[in-house]
Amino acid sequence: MNNLITYILAFNDDAPEIIDRQKHQQTVKENETNIHYTEERVTFSNGTVMLKTTEFDETLDELDDSVCPECWINYEIITQPNKGLITPKKKIFTSQCQESFWLKLQKIRTNLH
């Protein structure tokens, strides 16, 4: 596993290669807006550690389903595996719709190869 895509797919599918998962959440009030932060760190059996951070405005959750609210989703490799290097090191999304679409494409691509 030397491609970030592989780790992101494993992260979201709760793959058996994940040996530890820690999640921390907090909500902060900024100018009458509640900003929700989540940090999730997973450790894979090969020693790789990946961090997923998300940030979104909780009031945007109240929009109807036809709108995909802006949020920030960041996947980052913070510890490389014992053997090999993972590229790229980081992937950023600006909405859950963008992330979902990208993940669907990646699943199709990985099943074709």
C-alpha atoms as a PDB file:
ATOM      1  CA  MET A   1       0.000   0.000   0.000  1.00  0.00           C
ATOM      2  CA  ASN A   2       1.873   3.058  -1.215  1.00  0.00           C
ATOM      3  CA  ASN A   3      -0.937   5.276  -2.496  1.00  0.00           C
ATOM      4  CA  LEU A   4      -2.990   7.590  -0.281  1.00  0.00           C
ATOM      5  CA  ILE A   5      -6.168   6.464  -2.063  1.00  0.00           C
ATOM      6  CA  THR A   6      -5.734   2.950  -0.655  1.00  0.00           C
ATOM      7  CA  TYR A   7      -5.507   4.276   2.900  1.00  0.00           C
ATOM      8  CA  ILE A   8      -8.495   6.608   2.536  1.00  0.00           C
ATOM      9  CA  LEU A   9     -10.645   3.772   1.193  1.00  0.00           C
ATOM     10  CA  ALA A  10      -9.481   1.490   4.029  1.00  0.00           C
ATOM     11  CA  PHE A  11     -10.163   4.279   6.544  1.00  0.00           C
ATOM     12  CA  ASN A  12     -13.737   4.746   5.345  1.00  0.00           C
ATOM     13  CA  ASP A  13     -14.468   1.026   5.022  1.00  0.00           C
ATOM     14  CA  ASP A  14     -13.105   0.306   8.530  1.00  0.00           C
ATOM     15  CA  ALA A  15     -10.682  -2.224   7.034  1.00  0.00           C
ATOM     16  CA  PRO A  16      -9.154  -4.981   9.177  1.00  0.00           C
ATOM     17  CA  GLU A  17      -5.690  -3.418   8.612  1.00  0.00           C
ATOM     18  CA  ILE A  18      -6.721  -0.674  11.061  1.00  0.00           C
ATOM     19  CA  ILE A  19      -5.435  -1.616  14.499  1.00  0.00           C
ATOM     20  CA  ASP A  20      -6.318   1.587  16.385  1.00  0.00           C
ATOM     21  CA  ARG A  21      -8.845   4.400  15.894  1.00  0.00           C
ATOM     22  CA  GLN A  22      -9.121   7.510  18.066  1.00  0.00           C
ATOM     23  CA  LYS A  23     -11.720  10.231  17.562  1.00  0.00           C
ATOM     24  CA  HIS A  24     -11.982  13.643  19.206  1.00  0.00           C
ATOM     25  CA  GLN A  25     -14.757  16.175  18.625  1.00  0.00           C
ATOM     26  CA  GLN A  26     -15.478  19.672  19.800  1.00  0.00           C
ATOM     27  CA  THR A  27     -17.786  22.520  18.943  1.00  0.00           C
ATOM     28  CA  VAL A  28     -16.667  26.136  19.183  1.00  0.00           C
ATOM     29  CA  LYS A  29     -18.875  29.212  18.977  1.00  0.00           C
ATOM     30  CA  GLU A  30     -17.478  31.837  16.598  1.00  0.00           C
ATOM     31  CA  ASN A  31     -19.522  34.991  15.892  1.00  0.00           C
ATOM     32  CA  GLU A  32     -22.924  33.398  16.589  1.00  0.00           C
ATOM     33  CA  THR A  33     -21.923  30.315  14.588  1.00  0.00           C
ATOM     34  CA  ASN A  34     -21.192  26.861  15.968  1.00  0.00           C
ATOM     35  CA  ILE A  35     -18.157  25.351  14.261  1.00  0.00           C
ATOM     36  CA  HIS A  36     -17.833  21.595  14.699  1.00  0.00           C
ATOM     37  CA  TYR A  37     -14.346  20.057  14.578  1.00  0.00           C
ATOM     38  CA  THR A  38     -13.544  16.367  14.370  1.00  0.00           C
ATOM     39  CA  GLU A  39     -10.128  14.763  14.427  1.00  0.00           C
ATOM     40  CA  GLU A  40      -9.847  11.049  13.752  1.00  0.00           C
ATOM     41  CA  ARG A  41      -6.500   9.251  13.857  1.00  0.00           C
ATOM     42  CA  VAL A  42      -6.062   5.680  12.674  1.00  0.00           C
ATOM     43  CA  THR A  43      -3.071   3.385  12.892  1.00  0.00           C
ATOM     44  CA  PHE A  44      -2.619   0.657  10.301  1.00  0.00           C
ATOM     45  CA  SER A  45      -0.937  -2.681  10.923  1.00  0.00           C
ATOM     46  CA  ASN A  46       2.079  -1.639   8.793  1.00  0.00           C
ATOM     47  CA  GLY A  47       2.795   1.340  11.089  1.00  0.00           C
ATOM     48  CA  THR A  48       1.142   4.022   8.969  1.00  0.00           C
ATOM     49  CA  VAL A  49      -0.784   6.673  10.879  1.00  0.00           C
ATOM     50  CA  MET A  50      -3.390   8.760   9.056  1.00  0.00           C
ATOM     51  CA  LEU A  51      -5.260  11.772  10.377  1.00  0.00           C
ATOM     52  CA  LYS A  52      -8.668  12.887   9.107  1.00  0.00           C
ATOM     53  CA  THR A  53      -9.879  16.304  10.204  1.00  0.00           C
ATOM     54  CA  THR A  54     -13.237  17.849   9.425  1.00  0.00           C
ATOM     55  CA  GLU A  55     -14.655  21.272  10.120  1.00  0.00           C
ATOM     56  CA  PHE A  56     -18.153  22.517   9.376  1.00  0.00           C
ATOM     57  CA  ASP A  57     -20.680  25.120  10.393  1.00  0.00           C
ATOM     58  CA  GLU A  58     -23.450  23.291  12.297  1.00  0.00           C
ATOM     59  CA  THR A  59     -26.092  25.764  11.118  1.00  0.00           C
ATOM     60  CA  LEU A  60     -25.486  24.656   7.524  1.00  0.00           C
ATOM     61  CA  ASP A  61     -26.834  21.205   8.432  1.00  0.00           C
ATOM     62  CA  GLU A  62     -30.287  22.748   8.413  1.00  0.00           C
ATOM     63  CA  LEU A  63     -30.193  23.340   4.624  1.00  0.00           C
ATOM     64  CA  ASP A  64     -32.371  21.134   2.445  1.00  0.00           C
ATOM     65  CA  ASP A  65     -30.935  17.990   0.847  1.00  0.00           C
ATOM     66  CA  SER A  66     -30.487  19.621  -2.570  1.00  0.00           C
ATOM     67  CA  VAL A  67     -27.660  21.766  -1.193  1.00  0.00           C
ATOM     68  CA  CYS A  68     -24.262  20.370  -0.329  1.00  0.00           C
ATOM     69  CA  PRO A  69     -22.930  22.656   2.408  1.00  0.00           C
ATOM     70  CA  GLU A  70     -19.325  23.712   2.455  1.00  0.00           C
ATOM     71  CA  CYS A  71     -17.047  21.960   4.915  1.00  0.00           C
ATOM     72  CA  TRP A  72     -13.381  21.096   5.122  1.00  0.00           C
ATOM     73  CA  ILE A  73     -12.226  17.493   5.075  1.00  0.00           C
ATOM     74  CA  ASN A  74      -8.538  16.736   5.220  1.00  0.00           C
ATOM     75  CA  TYR A  75      -6.812  13.345   5.062  1.00  0.00           C
ATOM     76  CA  GLU A  76      -3.106  13.346   5.860  1.00  0.00           C
ATOM     77  CA  ILE A  77      -0.432  10.699   6.375  1.00  0.00           C
ATOM     78  CA  ILE A  78       1.437  11.697   9.523  1.00  0.00           C
ATOM     79  CA  THR A  79       3.586   8.565   9.920  1.00  0.00           C
ATOM     80  CA  GLN A  80       4.942   6.583   6.967  1.00  0.00           C
ATOM     81  CA  PRO A  81       4.870   2.770   6.938  1.00  0.00           C
ATOM     82  CA  ASN A  82       7.937   0.825   7.994  1.00  0.00           C
ATOM     83  CA  LYS A  83       8.693   0.031   4.344  1.00  0.00           C
ATOM     84  CA  GLY A  84       7.843   2.325   1.424  1.00  0.00           C
ATOM     85  CA  LEU A  85       6.504   5.835   1.015  1.00  0.00           C
ATOM     86  CA  ILE A  86       2.908   6.905   0.552  1.00  0.00           C
ATOM     87  CA  THR A  87       2.065   9.496  -2.101  1.00  0.00           C
ATOM     88  CA  PRO A  88       0.499  11.954  -2.082  1.00  0.00           C
ATOM     89  CA  LYS A  89       0.667  12.739   1.622  1.00  0.00           C
ATOM     90  CA  LYS A  90      -2.542  14.787   1.774  1.00  0.00           C
ATOM     91  CA  LYS A  91      -6.001  15.078   0.167  1.00  0.00           C
ATOM     92  CA  ILE A  92      -8.415  17.939   0.880  1.00  0.00           C
ATOM     93  CA  PHE A  93     -12.136  18.241   0.102  1.00  0.00           C
ATOM     94  CA  THR A  94     -14.390  21.290   0.434  1.00  0.00           C
ATOM     95  CA  SER A  95     -17.682  19.409   0.804  1.00  0.00           C
ATOM     96  CA  GLN A  96     -19.020  15.986   1.700  1.00  0.00           C
ATOM     97  CA  CYS A  97     -20.492  15.748  -1.801  1.00  0.00           C
ATOM     98  CA  GLN A  98     -17.062  16.227  -3.335  1.00  0.00           C
ATOM     99  CA  GLU A  99     -15.574  13.614  -1.014  1.00  0.00           C
ATOM    100  CA  SER A 100     -18.391  11.108  -1.704  1.00  0.00           C
ATOM    101  CA  PHE A 101     -18.074  11.493  -5.467  1.00  0.00           C
ATOM    102  CA  TRP A 102     -14.289  11.107  -5.343  1.00  0.00           C
ATOM    103  CA  LEU A 103     -14.556   7.995  -3.141  1.00  0.00           C
ATOM    104  CA  LYS A 104     -17.041   6.395  -5.562  1.00  0.00           C
ATOM    105  CA  LEU A 105     -14.650   6.997  -8.461  1.00  0.00           C
ATOM    106  CA  GLN A 106     -11.715   5.585  -6.524  1.00  0.00           C
ATOM    107  CA  LYS A 107     -13.643   2.427  -5.595  1.00  0.00           C
ATOM    108  CA  ILE A 108     -14.505   1.880  -9.265  1.00  0.00           C
ATOM    109  CA  ARG A 109     -10.877   2.450 -10.311  1.00  0.00           C
ATOM    110  CA  THR A 110      -9.438   0.119  -7.678  1.00  0.00           C
ATOM    111  CA  ASN A 111     -11.882  -2.647  -8.643  1.00  0.00           C
ATOM    112  CA  LEU A 112     -10.887  -2.324 -12.303  1.00  0.00           C
ATOM    113  CA  HIS A 113      -7.188  -2.870 -11.602  1.00  0.00           C
END
